[in-house]
């Protein structure tokens, strides 16, 4: 099933076949990375029959762009439709006083509409000649030395490695874990709205300035924050209100929100953004759920089914790194496959991949948790006239951007792969995280 190719240095290695499950941003990144590294992606599968312009705001950082550009993608296509504002303002909840100003690149890199970015990723995959099969729902996996999956149609597909990037409701994750893991309520939820402002709203003296050009503003208050994002020079407007919530609503991007409840929560916010929120016709209610860190991202039998992206390392919205970290994971998995010589050694590659990625991903996840907690607590003990240290409000993502995931994987390969070989020989894989 595999054949021989060469690295850019001319060193012979095996060229593996792969199937990617999930055609979201993470699945597309996996396909692009594997293809760029010389592996054959037989297909990218997705159970939906067509994609709509789903979601709202999404950030992509330089840590992702450097990899995508290396894989032959024209990243200027994404940058051109991202938010063009040079900076963002973090504001006090009730009066809009600016507490901190940051370059937008410090926050989330380029912010755009998730659906628009996804469309570009899909186009890049198609340009590489990689088949994307829609309406191809996976119903079963075979974790063997010749791994396979079965589609709802009854078709069975084989490859050297299967990459499951099928999101937070991944079918492959229970196989990898050997058990079901239910989502854990984070205690927070988001009301989200994305719309094209009317001419009347744009001319409104209170909220109109927010819609005059690309801008990003964030209002922080006790146990709540609102992120506002204006795109396409004012033609599209997005707000996200994150608040404490213990409701038992299934995690879904499509749960209708209660605008009366939104207006109640935003009753004492800065009138500038309150005006825009109150004028919004409808919104979605997203209960923010998460999974505890997983002990493994790789199937226990033949080690040839690997999780990637939200299926194994979902992020909170405040991390602004979910898609970027999925891109990094794609680059590391492809690099690890480069560094083994035969299909018999694919388990070394997959187990090295998870060990290389877990600490980095976990740090990125907790970075988002820290930011949310700082935003929600910094004003709880506020006294009139008190000045807030801007550093207490700032988004601290810059350390994430300089990182080169593929370079780091190559540099650490010998040490990590040696550990993996010992664990495989002993039949005892050290868990990534011991408390599930």
Protein backbone atom coordinates (compact mmCIF):
# COMPACT_ATOMS: atom_id res chain seq x y z
CA UNK A 1 0.00 0.00 0.00
CA UNK A 2 3.00 2.26 0.57
CA UNK A 3 5.79 3.15 -1.81
CA UNK A 4 9.17 4.80 -1.58
CA UNK A 5 9.80 8.49 -2.06
CA UNK A 6 12.48 10.90 -0.88
CA UNK A 7 12.73 13.82 1.49
CA UNK A 8 13.88 17.22 0.24
CA UNK A 9 17.41 16.10 1.20
CA UNK A 10 17.09 13.00 -1.00
CA UNK A 11 16.93 10.50 1.87
CA UNK A 12 14.79 7.47 0.96
CA UNK A 13 11.73 6.92 3.14
CA UNK A 14 8.34 5.31 2.93
CA UNK A 15 5.39 7.14 1.47
CA UNK A 16 2.26 6.21 3.40
CA UNK A 17 -1.41 6.26 2.50
CA UNK A 18 -3.85 8.08 4.76
CA UNK A 19 -7.55 8.71 5.17
CA UNK A 20 -8.68 11.84 6.99
CA UNK A 21 -12.07 11.77 8.70
CA UNK A 22 -13.61 15.22 9.02
CA UNK A 23 -13.33 18.00 6.46
CA UNK A 24 -13.33 20.88 8.93
CA UNK A 25 -10.35 23.17 9.40
CA UNK A 26 -8.38 20.53 11.32
CA UNK A 27 -9.10 17.79 8.78
CA UNK A 28 -8.17 20.08 5.90
CA UNK A 29 -4.93 21.02 7.68
CA UNK A 30 -4.14 17.32 8.19
CA UNK A 31 -4.68 16.60 4.49
CA UNK A 32 -2.55 19.59 3.43
CA UNK A 33 0.28 18.62 5.78
CA UNK A 34 0.34 14.96 4.77
CA UNK A 35 0.26 15.85 1.08
CA UNK A 36 3.04 18.43 1.48
CA UNK A 37 5.19 15.80 3.21
CA UNK A 38 4.75 13.41 0.31
CA UNK A 39 2.13 11.07 1.74
CA UNK A 40 -0.92 10.05 -0.26
CA UNK A 41 -4.25 11.20 1.14
CA UNK A 42 -6.75 8.78 -0.33
CA UNK A 43 -9.71 10.89 0.74
CA UNK A 44 -11.01 13.42 3.21
CA UNK A 45 -14.41 12.20 4.41
CA UNK A 46 -17.25 14.18 5.94
CA UNK A 47 -20.75 13.03 6.83
CA UNK A 48 -22.51 16.26 5.79
CA UNK A 49 -23.51 16.63 2.16
CA UNK A 50 -22.49 20.26 1.87
CA UNK A 51 -21.03 22.96 4.08
CA UNK A 52 -22.76 26.23 4.84
CA UNK A 53 -21.17 29.43 6.08
CA UNK A 54 -21.21 28.20 9.66
CA UNK A 55 -20.02 29.87 12.84
CA UNK A 56 -18.76 33.39 13.29
CA UNK A 57 -15.36 34.69 14.34
CA UNK A 58 -12.19 32.62 14.13
CA UNK A 59 -8.57 33.55 14.75
CA UNK A 60 -5.49 32.16 13.01
CA UNK A 61 -2.04 32.95 14.35
CA UNK A 62 1.38 33.16 12.73
CA UNK A 63 2.21 29.73 14.18
CA UNK A 64 -0.37 28.31 11.75
CA UNK A 65 0.40 30.61 8.81
CA UNK A 66 4.07 29.65 8.66
CA UNK A 67 3.12 25.98 8.28
CA UNK A 68 0.37 26.60 5.73
CA UNK A 69 2.72 28.71 3.62
CA UNK A 70 5.36 25.96 3.80
CA UNK A 71 2.75 23.50 2.52
CA UNK A 72 2.21 25.61 -0.58
CA UNK A 73 -0.92 27.49 0.49
CA UNK A 74 -1.44 31.13 -0.43
CA UNK A 75 -1.98 32.46 3.09
CA UNK A 76 -2.52 35.97 1.76
CA UNK A 77 -5.99 34.74 0.75
CA UNK A 78 -6.84 34.33 4.42
CA UNK A 79 -5.11 37.50 5.54
CA UNK A 80 -7.02 39.53 2.95
CA UNK A 81 -10.42 38.62 4.42
CA UNK A 82 -9.35 38.84 8.06
CA UNK A 83 -9.95 41.81 10.33
CA UNK A 84 -7.73 44.68 9.18
CA UNK A 85 -7.83 46.70 12.40
CA UNK A 86 -4.31 47.32 13.75
CA UNK A 87 -5.33 47.02 17.39
CA UNK A 88 -8.08 45.99 19.78
CA UNK A 89 -9.38 47.67 22.90
CA UNK A 90 -10.20 45.93 26.17
CA UNK A 91 -12.85 47.98 27.95
CA UNK A 92 -14.55 48.25 31.32
CA UNK A 93 -17.96 46.60 31.27
CA UNK A 94 -20.26 49.36 32.44
CA UNK A 95 -18.81 52.49 30.83
CA UNK A 96 -16.46 51.34 28.06
CA UNK A 97 -13.34 52.91 29.57
CA UNK A 98 -10.30 51.49 27.78
CA UNK A 99 -8.27 49.37 30.19
CA UNK A 100 -5.72 48.07 27.69
CA UNK A 101 -4.85 48.36 24.00
CA UNK A 102 -3.15 45.52 22.14
CA UNK A 103 -2.04 44.87 18.62
CA UNK A 104 -4.54 42.51 17.03
CA UNK A 105 -1.72 40.06 16.27
CA UNK A 106 -1.19 39.69 20.02
CA UNK A 107 -4.75 38.47 20.44
CA UNK A 108 -5.59 35.91 17.81
CA UNK A 109 -3.63 36.73 14.69
CA UNK A 110 -6.01 37.28 11.80
CA UNK A 111 -9.68 37.21 12.79
CA UNK A 112 -12.23 36.35 10.15
CA UNK A 113 -15.45 34.45 9.62
CA UNK A 114 -15.00 30.75 10.30
CA UNK A 115 -17.04 29.85 7.21
CA UNK A 116 -14.93 32.04 4.93
CA UNK A 117 -11.69 30.59 6.26
CA UNK A 118 -13.09 27.07 5.93
CA UNK A 119 -13.99 27.71 2.30
CA UNK A 120 -10.39 28.70 1.57
CA UNK A 121 -9.01 25.62 3.35
CA UNK A 122 -11.33 23.40 1.32
CA UNK A 123 -10.19 25.13 -1.88
CA UNK A 124 -6.54 24.51 -0.99
CA UNK A 125 -7.24 20.80 -0.43
CA UNK A 126 -8.97 20.52 -3.80
CA UNK A 127 -6.13 22.40 -5.52
CA UNK A 128 -3.74 19.70 -4.30
CA UNK A 129 -5.88 17.06 -6.01
CA UNK A 130 -6.95 15.52 -2.71
CA UNK A 131 -10.45 13.96 -2.95
CA UNK A 132 -13.08 15.34 -0.58
CA UNK A 133 -16.04 13.02 -0.20
CA UNK A 134 -19.18 14.59 1.24
CA UNK A 135 -22.05 12.53 2.62
CA UNK A 136 -19.51 9.87 3.64
CA UNK A 137 -20.46 9.01 7.21
CA UNK A 138 -18.09 6.72 9.11
CA UNK A 139 -19.92 4.21 11.31
CA UNK A 140 -17.10 1.88 12.40
CA UNK A 141 -13.32 1.56 12.64
CA UNK A 142 -11.08 -1.49 12.53
CA UNK A 143 -8.00 -0.96 14.70
CA UNK A 144 -5.65 -3.45 13.07
CA UNK A 145 -2.28 -3.56 11.33
CA UNK A 146 -4.24 -2.89 8.15
CA UNK A 147 -6.60 -0.27 9.61
CA UNK A 148 -9.93 0.39 7.97
CA UNK A 149 -13.16 2.24 8.40
CA UNK A 150 -16.68 1.43 7.27
CA UNK A 151 -19.06 3.98 5.82
CA UNK A 152 -22.80 4.04 6.37
CA UNK A 153 -23.16 2.90 2.77
CA UNK A 154 -21.32 -0.32 3.67
CA UNK A 155 -18.13 0.62 1.81
CA UNK A 156 -14.92 -0.30 3.61
CA UNK A 157 -11.74 1.76 3.13
CA UNK A 158 -8.16 0.84 4.09
CA UNK A 159 -5.05 2.98 4.55
CA UNK A 160 -1.74 2.85 6.37
CA UNK A 161 -3.00 5.45 8.85
CA UNK A 162 -6.39 6.98 9.64
CA UNK A 163 -6.53 10.51 11.01
CA UNK A 164 -9.74 11.26 12.90
CA UNK A 165 -10.33 15.00 12.93
CA UNK A 166 -14.06 14.67 13.39
CA UNK A 167 -14.62 17.24 16.12
CA UNK A 168 -15.73 17.26 19.71
CA UNK A 169 -18.33 14.57 19.04
CA UNK A 170 -15.74 12.28 17.47
CA UNK A 171 -16.78 8.69 16.75
CA UNK A 172 -13.14 7.62 16.87
CA UNK A 173 -12.43 8.98 20.35
CA UNK A 174 -14.32 6.24 22.24
CA UNK A 175 -12.35 3.67 20.22
CA UNK A 176 -9.08 5.30 21.16
CA UNK A 177 -10.02 5.68 24.81
CA UNK A 178 -11.70 2.30 25.16
CA UNK A 179 -14.58 4.07 26.88
CA UNK A 180 -17.14 6.82 26.39
CA UNK A 181 -16.21 10.28 27.62
CA UNK A 182 -19.07 12.69 28.01
CA UNK A 183 -18.65 16.45 27.77
CA UNK A 184 -18.09 18.35 30.99
CA UNK A 185 -20.00 21.58 31.54
CA UNK A 186 -17.50 24.42 31.83
CA UNK A 187 -19.96 26.50 33.80
CA UNK A 188 -20.10 29.06 30.99
CA UNK A 189 -22.11 29.65 27.85
CA UNK A 190 -21.95 32.05 24.91
CA UNK A 191 -24.72 33.95 23.22
CA UNK A 192 -23.46 34.64 19.68
CA UNK A 193 -24.77 36.75 16.82
CA UNK A 194 -23.39 37.53 13.36
CA UNK A 195 -25.26 39.81 10.96
CA UNK A 196 -25.06 42.54 8.35
CA UNK A 197 -25.91 45.86 10.02
CA UNK A 198 -28.71 47.89 8.54
CA UNK A 199 -28.14 51.45 7.33
CA UNK A 200 -30.10 52.71 10.34
CA UNK A 201 -27.89 50.80 12.75
CA UNK A 202 -24.74 52.06 11.06
CA UNK A 203 -25.98 55.62 11.45
CA UNK A 204 -26.90 55.13 15.11
CA UNK A 205 -24.81 57.66 17.09
CA UNK A 206 -24.07 55.14 19.84
CA UNK A 207 -23.12 51.91 18.05
CA UNK A 208 -22.55 53.24 14.54
CA UNK A 209 -18.84 53.96 15.13
CA UNK A 210 -18.30 50.26 15.88
CA UNK A 211 -19.61 49.47 12.39
CA UNK A 212 -17.79 52.15 10.43
CA UNK A 213 -14.68 50.06 9.81
CA UNK A 214 -12.96 46.84 10.91
CA UNK A 215 -12.65 46.86 14.68
CA UNK A 216 -12.34 44.60 17.71
CA UNK A 217 -13.46 45.60 21.20
CA UNK A 218 -13.82 43.53 24.34
CA UNK A 219 -15.87 44.52 27.39
CA UNK A 220 -14.92 42.71 30.60
CA UNK A 221 -16.90 42.54 33.82
CA UNK A 222 -17.57 40.27 36.79
CA UNK A 223 -18.20 36.75 35.43
CA UNK A 224 -18.98 38.06 31.93
CA UNK A 225 -17.34 39.47 28.84
CA UNK A 226 -18.43 40.58 25.38
CA UNK A 227 -16.25 40.38 22.26
CA UNK A 228 -17.25 42.55 19.28
CA UNK A 229 -15.76 42.02 15.85
CA UNK A 230 -16.52 44.07 12.73
CA UNK A 231 -15.46 42.65 9.35
CA UNK A 232 -15.41 43.70 5.69
CA UNK A 233 -15.04 47.37 6.52
CA UNK A 234 -18.24 47.46 8.55
CA UNK A 235 -20.44 45.23 6.40
CA UNK A 236 -20.52 42.34 8.90
CA UNK A 237 -20.88 42.55 12.67
CA UNK A 238 -20.35 39.92 15.34
CA UNK A 239 -20.81 39.95 19.10
CA UNK A 240 -20.26 37.12 21.58
CA UNK A 241 -21.45 37.37 25.18
CA UNK A 242 -19.83 34.83 27.52
CA UNK A 243 -21.54 34.38 30.89
CA UNK A 244 -21.86 31.90 33.74
CA UNK A 245 -24.36 29.17 32.99
CA UNK A 246 -25.19 25.81 34.52
CA UNK A 247 -27.94 24.93 32.04
CA UNK A 248 -28.10 21.38 30.80
CA UNK A 249 -28.45 22.08 27.07
CA UNK A 250 -26.61 19.78 24.64
CA UNK A 251 -23.51 21.29 23.06
CA UNK A 252 -24.59 22.63 19.69
CA UNK A 253 -23.78 25.51 17.36
CA UNK A 254 -27.44 25.74 16.36
CA UNK A 255 -29.34 26.10 19.66
CA UNK A 256 -31.49 29.26 19.39
CA UNK A 257 -30.73 31.87 22.02
CA UNK A 258 -33.15 33.91 24.15
CA UNK A 259 -32.66 37.58 23.24
CA UNK A 260 -34.66 38.65 26.31
CA UNK A 261 -32.09 36.86 28.48
CA UNK A 262 -29.27 38.45 26.50
CA UNK A 263 -30.72 41.93 27.03
CA UNK A 264 -31.09 41.20 30.75
CA UNK A 265 -27.43 40.17 31.02
CA UNK A 266 -26.33 43.22 29.04
CA UNK A 267 -28.59 45.70 30.83
CA UNK A 268 -25.69 47.46 32.57
CA UNK A 269 -23.04 47.21 29.85
CA UNK A 270 -21.57 50.25 28.08
CA UNK A 271 -24.41 51.77 26.02
CA UNK A 272 -22.19 51.75 22.91
CA UNK A 273 -22.35 47.96 22.56
CA UNK A 274 -25.67 47.59 24.39
CA UNK A 275 -27.36 49.46 21.59
CA UNK A 276 -26.08 46.95 19.02
CA UNK A 277 -27.02 43.97 21.20
CA UNK A 278 -30.52 45.27 21.84
CA UNK A 279 -31.06 45.80 18.11
CA UNK A 280 -30.11 42.21 17.30
CA UNK A 281 -33.04 40.09 16.10
CA UNK A 282 -31.74 36.64 17.05
CA UNK A 283 -28.73 34.79 18.37
CA UNK A 284 -27.43 31.32 19.12
CA UNK A 285 -26.87 29.84 22.57
CA UNK A 286 -23.68 27.79 22.80
CA UNK A 287 -23.08 25.93 26.04
CA UNK A 288 -19.31 25.78 26.40
CA UNK A 289 -18.42 22.19 27.13
CA UNK A 290 -15.00 20.64 27.25
CA UNK A 291 -13.34 17.28 27.65
CA UNK A 292 -10.81 16.57 30.33
CA UNK A 293 -7.30 16.04 28.93
CA UNK A 294 -7.15 12.62 27.31
CA UNK A 295 -4.69 9.90 28.36
CA UNK A 296 -4.08 8.99 24.71
CA UNK A 297 -4.78 10.27 21.19
CA UNK A 298 -3.92 6.99 19.44
CA UNK A 299 -5.80 3.69 19.09
CA UNK A 300 -4.55 1.03 21.54
CA UNK A 301 -4.40 -1.98 19.22
CA UNK A 302 -2.30 -1.22 16.17
CA UNK A 303 -1.65 2.45 17.00
CA UNK A 304 -2.67 3.48 13.47
CA UNK A 305 -5.77 5.59 14.17
CA UNK A 306 -4.80 9.04 15.47
CA UNK A 307 -6.99 11.84 16.77
CA UNK A 308 -6.31 15.42 15.73
CA UNK A 309 -7.82 18.84 16.50
CA UNK A 310 -11.05 19.18 18.48
CA UNK A 311 -11.43 15.41 18.69
CA UNK A 312 -8.54 15.37 21.18
CA UNK A 313 -7.62 18.95 22.13
CA UNK A 314 -10.60 21.30 21.93
CA UNK A 315 -9.96 24.84 23.14
CA UNK A 316 -12.08 27.46 24.87
CA UNK A 317 -12.97 30.50 22.74
CA UNK A 318 -10.69 32.69 24.88
CA UNK A 319 -7.66 30.71 23.74
CA UNK A 320 -8.10 31.99 20.17
CA UNK A 321 -5.90 29.02 19.18
CA UNK A 322 -8.13 26.05 18.35
CA UNK A 323 -7.59 26.10 14.58
CA UNK A 324 -3.94 27.11 14.91
CA UNK A 325 -3.18 24.24 17.29
CA UNK A 326 -4.94 21.78 14.97
CA UNK A 327 -2.68 23.03 12.17
CA UNK A 328 0.38 22.53 14.36
CA UNK A 329 -0.76 18.98 15.20
CA UNK A 330 -1.15 18.24 11.48
CA UNK A 331 2.41 19.37 10.83
CA UNK A 332 3.82 17.29 13.67
CA UNK A 333 1.97 14.11 12.66
CA UNK A 334 3.18 14.46 9.05
CA UNK A 335 6.74 15.12 10.24
CA UNK A 336 6.72 12.05 12.50
CA UNK A 337 5.57 9.88 9.59
CA UNK A 338 8.51 11.27 7.59
CA UNK A 339 10.92 10.03 10.22
CA UNK A 340 10.00 6.34 10.21
CA UNK A 341 11.16 3.94 7.51
CA UNK A 342 8.34 1.43 7.12
CA UNK A 343 4.68 0.78 7.80
CA UNK A 344 5.75 -1.41 10.73
CA UNK A 345 7.04 1.75 12.40
CA UNK A 346 3.87 3.82 12.04
CA UNK A 347 3.12 3.15 15.75
CA UNK A 348 6.40 4.89 16.60
CA UNK A 349 5.29 7.91 14.57
CA UNK A 350 1.80 8.14 16.06
CA UNK A 351 2.93 7.63 19.63
CA UNK A 352 5.73 10.19 19.19
CA UNK A 353 3.19 12.60 17.70
CA UNK A 354 0.97 12.56 20.78
CA UNK A 355 3.92 12.92 23.17
CA UNK A 356 5.36 15.83 21.19
CA UNK A 357 2.03 17.64 21.02
CA UNK A 358 0.39 17.15 24.39
CA UNK A 359 2.43 19.59 26.56
CA UNK A 360 2.21 22.35 23.97
CA UNK A 361 -1.54 21.90 23.45
CA UNK A 362 -2.21 21.74 27.17
CA UNK A 363 -0.33 25.00 27.73
CA UNK A 364 -2.37 26.64 24.97
CA UNK A 365 -5.62 25.38 26.49
CA UNK A 366 -4.81 26.62 30.00
CA UNK A 367 -3.73 29.95 28.54
CA UNK A 368 -7.34 30.45 27.43
CA UNK A 369 -8.65 29.43 30.85
CA UNK A 370 -6.32 31.92 32.54
CA UNK A 371 -7.48 34.75 30.29
CA UNK A 372 -11.16 34.06 30.94
CA UNK A 373 -10.57 34.00 34.69
CA UNK A 374 -8.57 37.25 34.63
CA UNK A 375 -11.24 39.03 32.57
CA UNK A 376 -14.02 37.81 34.85
CA UNK A 377 -12.29 38.65 38.13
CA UNK A 378 -10.19 41.77 37.65
CA UNK A 379 -13.10 44.15 38.28
CA UNK A 380 -14.79 42.25 41.12
CA UNK A 381 -13.01 44.29 43.78
CA UNK A 382 -13.17 47.52 41.81
CA UNK A 383 -13.25 50.80 43.75
CA UNK A 384 -14.14 54.13 42.18
CA UNK A 385 -11.03 55.84 40.86
CA UNK A 386 -8.95 52.66 41.00
CA UNK A 387 -6.61 52.13 38.05
CA UNK A 388 -6.38 48.63 36.64
CA UNK A 389 -2.99 47.29 35.59
CA UNK A 390 -3.31 46.79 31.80
CA UNK A 391 -1.31 43.57 32.06
CA UNK A 392 -4.14 42.05 34.08
CA UNK A 393 -6.42 42.44 31.06
CA UNK A 394 -4.15 41.66 28.15
CA UNK A 395 -4.27 38.53 26.03
CA UNK A 396 -0.94 36.74 26.39
CA UNK A 397 -0.62 34.72 23.20
CA UNK A 398 2.55 36.17 21.71
CA UNK A 399 4.70 33.33 23.07
CA UNK A 400 2.68 30.91 20.93
CA UNK A 401 3.44 32.53 17.59
CA UNK A 402 7.21 32.15 17.22
CA UNK A 403 6.99 28.36 17.55
CA UNK A 404 7.70 26.12 14.55
CA UNK A 405 5.90 22.84 15.22
CA UNK A 406 7.66 20.86 12.49
CA UNK A 407 11.12 22.11 13.45
CA UNK A 408 10.48 21.27 17.10
CA UNK A 409 9.32 17.74 16.16
CA UNK A 410 12.50 17.07 14.16
CA UNK A 411 14.73 18.42 16.90
CA UNK A 412 13.11 16.30 19.61
CA UNK A 413 12.51 13.21 17.50
CA UNK A 414 15.46 11.10 18.64
CA UNK A 415 14.71 11.51 22.33
CA UNK A 416 10.96 11.02 22.05
CA UNK A 417 11.05 8.18 19.52
CA UNK A 418 13.54 6.28 21.68
CA UNK A 419 11.13 6.53 24.62
CA UNK A 420 8.26 5.38 22.39
CA UNK A 421 10.19 2.36 21.10
CA UNK A 422 10.89 1.25 24.66
CA UNK A 423 7.23 1.63 25.65
CA UNK A 424 6.03 -0.29 22.60
CA UNK A 425 8.54 -3.07 23.25
CA UNK A 426 7.35 -3.32 26.84
CA UNK A 427 3.68 -3.14 25.80
CA UNK A 428 3.09 -0.28 28.23
CA UNK A 429 2.29 3.19 26.85
CA UNK A 430 2.68 5.99 29.38
CA UNK A 431 -0.58 7.99 29.51
CA UNK A 432 -0.44 11.59 28.40
CA UNK A 433 -2.65 12.53 31.33
CA UNK A 434 -3.35 10.28 34.26
CA UNK A 435 -6.68 11.64 35.53
CA UNK A 436 -9.56 11.09 33.11
